[in-house]
Amino acid sequence: MEKQPLNRIKVMLAERMLTNKQLAEMFGKDPATISKWVTNTSQPTLENLIEIARCLKCDMNDLVRLDDVVTIKTDK
């Protein structure tokens, strides 16, 4: 089974015709960190996702992949 990316930062950057380096400059992060997030080598924290959404002027939900998320039911 092919591993699906967890975030869509790469897609959102492409839609806005921005580079990893430009996001790094807007966000104040090292370009290597942005690269790891874009390639899904590592994942940004919730706080970082919020800041990325602000920088890219998008909804945070646009940055994450939710179609394969497993829902766990709990008893009430």
PDB file of N, CA and C in Angstrom:
ATOM      1  N   MET A   1       0.845  -1.182   0.000  1.00  0.00           N
ATOM      2  CA  MET A   1       0.000   0.000   0.000  1.00  0.00           C
ATOM      3  C   MET A   1       0.889   1.243   0.000  1.00  0.00           C
ATOM      4  N   GLU A   2       0.613   2.166  -0.910  1.00  0.00           N
ATOM      5  CA  GLU A   2       1.396   3.385  -1.024  1.00  0.00           C
ATOM      6  C   GLU A   2       1.092   4.316   0.141  1.00  0.00           C
ATOM      7  N   LYS A   3       2.143   4.875   0.725  1.00  0.00           N
ATOM      8  CA  LYS A   3       1.969   5.796   1.837  1.00  0.00           C
ATOM      9  C   LYS A   3       1.510   7.153   1.302  1.00  0.00           C
ATOM     10  N   GLN A   4       0.416   7.645   1.827  1.00  0.00           N
ATOM     11  CA  GLN A   4      -0.134   8.926   1.404  1.00  0.00           C
ATOM     12  C   GLN A   4       0.448  10.048   2.261  1.00  0.00           C
ATOM     13  N   PRO A   5       0.662  11.214   1.664  1.00  0.00           N
ATOM     14  CA  PRO A   5       1.163  12.339   2.454  1.00  0.00           C
ATOM     15  C   PRO A   5       0.147  12.765   3.505  1.00  0.00           C
ATOM     16  N   LEU A   6       0.656  13.221   4.635  1.00  0.00           N
ATOM     17  CA  LEU A   6      -0.223  13.651   5.719  1.00  0.00           C
ATOM     18  C   LEU A   6      -0.605  15.118   5.598  1.00  0.00           C
ATOM     19  N   ASN A   7       0.261  15.909   4.978  1.00  0.00           N
ATOM     20  CA  ASN A   7      -0.078  17.312   4.815  1.00  0.00           C
ATOM     21  C   ASN A   7      -0.028  17.699   3.345  1.00  0.00           C
ATOM     22  N   ARG A   8      -0.641  18.823   3.044  1.00  0.00           N
ATOM     23  CA  ARG A   8      -0.755  19.292   1.667  1.00  0.00           C
ATOM     24  C   ARG A   8      -0.011  20.609   1.464  1.00  0.00           C
ATOM     25  N   ILE A   9       1.035  20.841   2.242  1.00  0.00           N
ATOM     26  CA  ILE A   9       1.774  22.094   2.136  1.00  0.00           C
ATOM     27  C   ILE A   9       2.341  22.263   0.730  1.00  0.00           C
ATOM     28  N   LYS A  10       2.883  21.199   0.168  1.00  0.00           N
ATOM     29  CA  LYS A  10       3.455  21.261  -1.181  1.00  0.00           C
ATOM     30  C   LYS A  10       2.400  21.701  -2.199  1.00  0.00           C
ATOM     31  N   VAL A  11       1.212  21.135  -2.091  1.00  0.00           N
ATOM     32  CA  VAL A  11       0.116  21.478  -3.005  1.00  0.00           C
ATOM     33  C   VAL A  11      -0.266  22.946  -2.857  1.00  0.00           C
ATOM     34  N   MET A  12      -0.383  23.399  -1.616  1.00  0.00           N
ATOM     35  CA  MET A  12      -0.780  24.786  -1.377  1.00  0.00           C
ATOM     36  C   MET A  12       0.285  25.763  -1.866  1.00  0.00           C
ATOM     37  N   LEU A  13       1.556  25.414  -1.705  1.00  0.00           N
ATOM     38  CA  LEU A  13       2.629  26.267  -2.229  1.00  0.00           C
ATOM     39  C   LEU A  13       2.545  26.345  -3.748  1.00  0.00           C
ATOM     40  N   ALA A  14       2.338  25.208  -4.397  1.00  0.00           N
ATOM     41  CA  ALA A  14       2.258  25.176  -5.861  1.00  0.00           C
ATOM     42  C   ALA A  14       1.076  26.009  -6.359  1.00  0.00           C
ATOM     43  N   GLU A  15      -0.058  25.901  -5.691  1.00  0.00           N
ATOM     44  CA  GLU A  15      -1.239  26.678  -6.086  1.00  0.00           C
ATOM     45  C   GLU A  15      -0.986  28.174  -5.992  1.00  0.00           C
ATOM     46  N   ARG A  16      -0.122  28.575  -5.064  1.00  0.00           N
ATOM     47  CA  ARG A  16       0.179  29.990  -4.863  1.00  0.00           C
ATOM     48  C   ARG A  16       1.470  30.419  -5.568  1.00  0.00           C
ATOM     49  N   MET A  17       2.054  29.491  -6.311  1.00  0.00           N
ATOM     50  CA  MET A  17       3.308  29.727  -7.028  1.00  0.00           C
ATOM     51  C   MET A  17       4.397  30.272  -6.098  1.00  0.00           C
ATOM     52  N   LEU A  18       4.517  29.620  -4.942  1.00  0.00           N
ATOM     53  CA  LEU A  18       5.528  29.970  -3.953  1.00  0.00           C
ATOM     54  C   LEU A  18       6.507  28.818  -3.797  1.00  0.00           C
ATOM     55  N   THR A  19       7.710  29.137  -3.364  1.00  0.00           N
ATOM     56  CA  THR A  19       8.733  28.120  -3.129  1.00  0.00           C
ATOM     57  C   THR A  19       8.856  27.842  -1.634  1.00  0.00           C
ATOM     58  N   ASN A  20       9.555  26.760  -1.325  1.00  0.00           N
ATOM     59  CA  ASN A  20       9.851  26.444   0.077  1.00  0.00           C
ATOM     60  C   ASN A  20      10.610  27.604   0.715  1.00  0.00           C
ATOM     61  N   LYS A  21      11.562  28.150  -0.024  1.00  0.00           N
ATOM     62  CA  LYS A  21      12.388  29.242   0.501  1.00  0.00           C
ATOM     63  C   LYS A  21      11.533  30.467   0.817  1.00  0.00           C
ATOM     64  N   GLN A  22      10.573  30.773  -0.042  1.00  0.00           N
ATOM     65  CA  GLN A  22       9.701  31.919   0.214  1.00  0.00           C
ATOM     66  C   GLN A  22       8.859  31.700   1.469  1.00  0.00           C
ATOM     67  N   LEU A  23       8.335  30.486   1.640  1.00  0.00           N
ATOM     68  CA  LEU A  23       7.572  30.191   2.852  1.00  0.00           C
ATOM     69  C   LEU A  23       8.476  30.294   4.074  1.00  0.00           C
ATOM     70  N   ALA A  24       9.689  29.793   3.969  1.00  0.00           N
ATOM     71  CA  ALA A  24      10.638  29.871   5.084  1.00  0.00           C
ATOM     72  C   ALA A  24      10.880  31.326   5.484  1.00  0.00           C
ATOM     73  N   GLU A  25      11.013  32.204   4.499  1.00  0.00           N
ATOM     74  CA  GLU A  25      11.233  33.623   4.781  1.00  0.00           C
ATOM     75  C   GLU A  25       9.999  34.265   5.414  1.00  0.00           C
ATOM     76  N   MET A  26       8.809  33.944   4.913  1.00  0.00           N
ATOM     77  CA  MET A  26       7.564  34.492   5.476  1.00  0.00           C
ATOM     78  C   MET A  26       7.345  33.998   6.898  1.00  0.00           C
ATOM     79  N   PHE A  27       7.732  32.747   7.125  1.00  0.00           N
ATOM     80  CA  PHE A  27       7.440  32.046   8.369  1.00  0.00           C
ATOM     81  C   PHE A  27       8.557  32.192   9.398  1.00  0.00           C
ATOM     82  N   GLY A  28       9.755  32.569   8.939  1.00  0.00           N
ATOM     83  CA  GLY A  28      10.885  32.706   9.850  1.00  0.00           C
ATOM     84  C   GLY A  28      11.465  31.376  10.297  1.00  0.00           C
ATOM     85  N   LYS A  29      11.365  30.374   9.430  1.00  0.00           N
ATOM     86  CA  LYS A  29      11.913  29.043   9.726  1.00  0.00           C
ATOM     87  C   LYS A  29      13.048  28.737   8.767  1.00  0.00           C
ATOM     88  N   ASP A  30      13.871  27.777   9.140  1.00  0.00           N
ATOM     89  CA  ASP A  30      14.952  27.311   8.288  1.00  0.00           C
ATOM     90  C   ASP A  30      14.363  26.621   7.054  1.00  0.00           C
ATOM     91  N   PRO A  31      14.887  26.896   5.856  1.00  0.00           N
ATOM     92  CA  PRO A  31      14.376  26.229   4.654  1.00  0.00           C
ATOM     93  C   PRO A  31      14.421  24.703   4.738  1.00  0.00           C
ATOM     94  N   ALA A  32      15.389  24.153   5.460  1.00  0.00           N
ATOM     95  CA  ALA A  32      15.476  22.694   5.608  1.00  0.00           C
ATOM     96  C   ALA A  32      14.267  22.150   6.371  1.00  0.00           C
ATOM     97  N   THR A  33      13.788  22.897   7.341  1.00  0.00           N
ATOM     98  CA  THR A  33      12.596  22.492   8.097  1.00  0.00           C
ATOM     99  C   THR A  33      11.375  22.486   7.191  1.00  0.00           C
ATOM    100  N   ILE A  34      11.227  23.543   6.406  1.00  0.00           N
ATOM    101  CA  ILE A  34      10.106  23.622   5.464  1.00  0.00           C
ATOM    102  C   ILE A  34      10.171  22.459   4.486  1.00  0.00           C
ATOM    103  N   SER A  35      11.367  22.151   4.003  1.00  0.00           N
ATOM    104  CA  SER A  35      11.551  21.043   3.058  1.00  0.00           C
ATOM    105  C   SER A  35      11.084  19.721   3.659  1.00  0.00           C
ATOM    106  N   LYS A  36      11.401  19.486   4.928  1.00  0.00           N
ATOM    107  CA  LYS A  36      10.970  18.248   5.595  1.00  0.00           C
ATOM    108  C   LYS A  36       9.448  18.173   5.684  1.00  0.00           C
ATOM    109  N   TRP A  37       8.814  19.313   5.931  1.00  0.00           N
ATOM    110  CA  TRP A  37       7.355  19.330   5.997  1.00  0.00           C
ATOM    111  C   TRP A  37       6.745  19.098   4.621  1.00  0.00           C
ATOM    112  N   VAL A  38       7.305  19.758   3.602  1.00  0.00           N
ATOM    113  CA  VAL A  38       6.772  19.657   2.236  1.00  0.00           C
ATOM    114  C   VAL A  38       6.883  18.234   1.701  1.00  0.00           C
ATOM    115  N   THR A  39       7.966  17.551   2.047  1.00  0.00           N
ATOM    116  CA  THR A  39       8.163  16.176   1.581  1.00  0.00           C
ATOM    117  C   THR A  39       7.547  15.147   2.523  1.00  0.00           C
ATOM    118  N   ASN A  40       6.901  15.616   3.580  1.00  0.00           N
ATOM    119  CA  ASN A  40       6.272  14.755   4.579  1.00  0.00           C
ATOM    120  C   ASN A  40       7.276  13.851   5.298  1.00  0.00           C
ATOM    121  N   THR A  41       8.532  14.288   5.346  1.00  0.00           N
ATOM    122  CA  THR A  41       9.545  13.574   6.123  1.00  0.00           C
ATOM    123  C   THR A  41       9.260  13.747   7.609  1.00  0.00           C
ATOM    124  N   SER A  42       8.819  14.946   7.967  1.00  0.00           N
ATOM    125  CA  SER A  42       8.350  15.220   9.323  1.00  0.00           C
ATOM    126  C   SER A  42       7.115  16.098   9.203  1.00  0.00           C
ATOM    127  N   GLN A  43       6.397  16.248  10.304  1.00  0.00           N
ATOM    128  CA  GLN A  43       5.144  16.997  10.283  1.00  0.00           C
ATOM    129  C   GLN A  43       5.237  18.217  11.192  1.00  0.00           C
ATOM    130  N   PRO A  44       4.648  19.330  10.752  1.00  0.00           N
ATOM    131  CA  PRO A  44       4.635  20.517  11.603  1.00  0.00           C
ATOM    132  C   PRO A  44       3.689  20.330  12.786  1.00  0.00           C
ATOM    133  N   THR A  45       3.958  21.066  13.840  1.00  0.00           N
ATOM    134  CA  THR A  45       3.062  21.056  14.997  1.00  0.00           C
ATOM    135  C   THR A  45       1.767  21.776  14.629  1.00  0.00           C
ATOM    136  N   LEU A  46       0.777  21.634  15.461  1.00  0.00           N
ATOM    137  CA  LEU A  46      -0.488  22.337  15.254  1.00  0.00           C
ATOM    138  C   LEU A  46      -0.253  23.846  15.193  1.00  0.00           C
ATOM    139  N   GLU A  47       0.581  24.345  16.083  1.00  0.00           N
ATOM    140  CA  GLU A  47       0.884  25.774  16.100  1.00  0.00           C
ATOM    141  C   GLU A  47       1.534  26.207  14.787  1.00  0.00           C
ATOM    142  N   ASN A  48       2.446  25.373  14.272  1.00  0.00           N
ATOM    143  CA  ASN A  48       3.093  25.700  13.003  1.00  0.00           C
ATOM    144  C   ASN A  48       2.107  25.631  11.842  1.00  0.00           C
ATOM    145  N   LEU A  49       1.185  24.675  11.862  1.00  0.00           N
ATOM    146  CA  LEU A  49       0.166  24.603  10.811  1.00  0.00           C
ATOM    147  C   LEU A  49      -0.696  25.861  10.801  1.00  0.00           C
ATOM    148  N   ILE A  50      -1.036  26.345  11.975  1.00  0.00           N
ATOM    149  CA  ILE A  50      -1.825  27.579  12.076  1.00  0.00           C
ATOM    150  C   ILE A  50      -1.056  28.738  11.457  1.00  0.00           C
ATOM    151  N   GLU A  51       0.227  28.824  11.754  1.00  0.00           N
ATOM    152  CA  GLU A  51       1.060  29.903  11.214  1.00  0.00           C
ATOM    153  C   GLU A  51       1.253  29.758   9.702  1.00  0.00           C
ATOM    154  N   ILE A  52       1.421  28.533   9.221  1.00  0.00           N
ATOM    155  CA  ILE A  52       1.547  28.299   7.775  1.00  0.00           C
ATOM    156  C   ILE A  52       0.259  28.738   7.075  1.00  0.00           C
ATOM    157  N   ALA A  53      -0.879  28.384   7.641  1.00  0.00           N
ATOM    158  CA  ALA A  53      -2.165  28.788   7.060  1.00  0.00           C
ATOM    159  C   ALA A  53      -2.264  30.308   6.999  1.00  0.00           C
ATOM    160  N   ARG A  54      -1.801  30.977   8.035  1.00  0.00           N
ATOM    161  CA  ARG A  54      -1.816  32.442   8.044  1.00  0.00           C
ATOM    162  C   ARG A  54      -0.921  32.983   6.932  1.00  0.00           C
ATOM    163  N   CYS A  55       0.285  32.436   6.809  1.00  0.00           N
ATOM    164  CA  CYS A  55       1.229  32.884   5.775  1.00  0.00           C
ATOM    165  C   CYS A  55       0.685  32.643   4.369  1.00  0.00           C
ATOM    166  N   LEU A  56       0.025  31.514   4.173  1.00  0.00           N
ATOM    167  CA  LEU A  56      -0.486  31.153   2.843  1.00  0.00           C
ATOM    168  C   LEU A  56      -1.904  31.670   2.594  1.00  0.00           C
ATOM    169  N   LYS A  57      -2.468  32.334   3.616  1.00  0.00           N
ATOM    170  CA  LYS A  57      -3.827  32.880   3.513  1.00  0.00           C
ATOM    171  C   LYS A  57      -4.825  31.801   3.086  1.00  0.00           C
ATOM    172  N   CYS A  58      -4.789  30.706   3.837  1.00  0.00           N
ATOM    173  CA  CYS A  58      -5.709  29.611   3.559  1.00  0.00           C
ATOM    174  C   CYS A  58      -6.259  29.080   4.877  1.00  0.00           C
ATOM    175  N   ASP A  59      -7.236  28.234   4.781  1.00  0.00           N
ATOM    176  CA  ASP A  59      -7.799  27.576   5.949  1.00  0.00           C
ATOM    177  C   ASP A  59      -6.857  26.450   6.357  1.00  0.00           C
ATOM    178  N   MET A  60      -6.676  26.258   7.638  1.00  0.00           N
ATOM    179  CA  MET A  60      -5.790  25.195   8.098  1.00  0.00           C
ATOM    180  C   MET A  60      -6.241  23.828   7.585  1.00  0.00           C
ATOM    181  N   ASN A  61      -7.537  23.638   7.416  1.00  0.00           N
ATOM    182  CA  ASN A  61      -8.051  22.369   6.894  1.00  0.00           C
ATOM    183  C   ASN A  61      -7.541  22.074   5.489  1.00  0.00           C
ATOM    184  N   ASP A  62      -7.181  23.120   4.745  1.00  0.00           N
ATOM    185  CA  ASP A  62      -6.628  22.926   3.403  1.00  0.00           C
ATOM    186  C   ASP A  62      -5.226  22.328   3.445  1.00  0.00           C
ATOM    187  N   LEU A  63      -4.585  22.395   4.597  1.00  0.00           N
ATOM    188  CA  LEU A  63      -3.200  21.943   4.727  1.00  0.00           C
ATOM    189  C   LEU A  63      -3.063  20.497   5.169  1.00  0.00           C
ATOM    190  N   VAL A  64      -4.136  19.924   5.670  1.00  0.00           N
ATOM    191  CA  VAL A  64      -4.034  18.557   6.186  1.00  0.00           C
ATOM    192  C   VAL A  64      -4.910  17.603   5.395  1.00  0.00           C
ATOM    193  N   ARG A  65      -4.486  16.377   5.348  1.00  0.00           N
ATOM    194  CA  ARG A  65      -5.199  15.331   4.616  1.00  0.00           C
ATOM    195  C   ARG A  65      -6.080  14.584   5.609  1.00  0.00           C
ATOM    196  N   LEU A  66      -7.380  14.671   5.428  1.00  0.00           N
ATOM    197  CA  LEU A  66      -8.305  14.074   6.389  1.00  0.00           C
ATOM    198  C   LEU A  66      -9.082  12.887   5.847  1.00  0.00           C
ATOM    199  N   ASP A  67      -8.957  12.563   4.572  1.00  0.00           N
ATOM    200  CA  ASP A  67      -9.795  11.514   3.999  1.00  0.00           C
ATOM    201  C   ASP A  67      -9.455  10.113   4.485  1.00  0.00           C
ATOM    202  N   ASP A  68      -8.268   9.907   5.036  1.00  0.00           N
ATOM    203  CA  ASP A  68      -7.890   8.583   5.530  1.00  0.00           C
ATOM    204  C   ASP A  68      -7.839   8.502   7.055  1.00  0.00           C
ATOM    205  N   VAL A  69      -8.357   9.519   7.721  1.00  0.00           N
ATOM    206  CA  VAL A  69      -8.316   9.543   9.177  1.00  0.00           C
ATOM    207  C   VAL A  69      -9.312   8.531   9.725  1.00  0.00           C
ATOM    208  N   VAL A  70      -8.887   7.777  10.705  1.00  0.00           N
ATOM    209  CA  VAL A  70      -9.746   6.782  11.339  1.00  0.00           C
ATOM    210  C   VAL A  70     -10.486   7.448  12.486  1.00  0.00           C
ATOM    211  N   THR A  71     -11.779   7.236  12.541  1.00  0.00           N
ATOM    212  CA  THR A  71     -12.587   7.771  13.624  1.00  0.00           C
ATOM    213  C   THR A  71     -12.754   6.691  14.682  1.00  0.00           C
ATOM    214  N   ILE A  72     -12.512   7.068  15.916  1.00  0.00           N
ATOM    215  CA  ILE A  72     -12.652   6.137  17.031  1.00  0.00           C
ATOM    216  C   ILE A  72     -13.872   6.549  17.833  1.00  0.00           C
ATOM    217  N   LYS A  73     -14.820   5.631  17.967  1.00  0.00           N
ATOM    218  CA  LYS A  73     -16.013   5.908  18.757  1.00  0.00           C
ATOM    219  C   LYS A  73     -15.720   5.605  20.217  1.00  0.00           C
ATOM    220  N   THR A  74     -16.267   6.439  21.065  1.00  0.00           N
ATOM    221  CA  THR A  74     -16.125   6.210  22.496  1.00  0.00           C
ATOM    222  C   THR A  74     -17.512   6.084  23.107  1.00  0.00           C
ATOM    223  N   ASP A  75     -17.607   5.324  24.177  1.00  0.00           N
ATOM    224  CA  ASP A  75     -18.871   5.186  24.891  1.00  0.00           C
ATOM    225  C   ASP A  75     -19.080   6.406  25.759  1.00  0.00           C
ATOM    226  N   LYS A  76     -20.329   6.830  25.827  1.00  0.00           N
ATOM    227  CA  LYS A  76     -20.643   7.991  26.674  1.00  0.00           C
ATOM    228  C   LYS A  76     -21.360   7.560  27.907  1.00  0.00           C
TER     229      LYS A  76
END
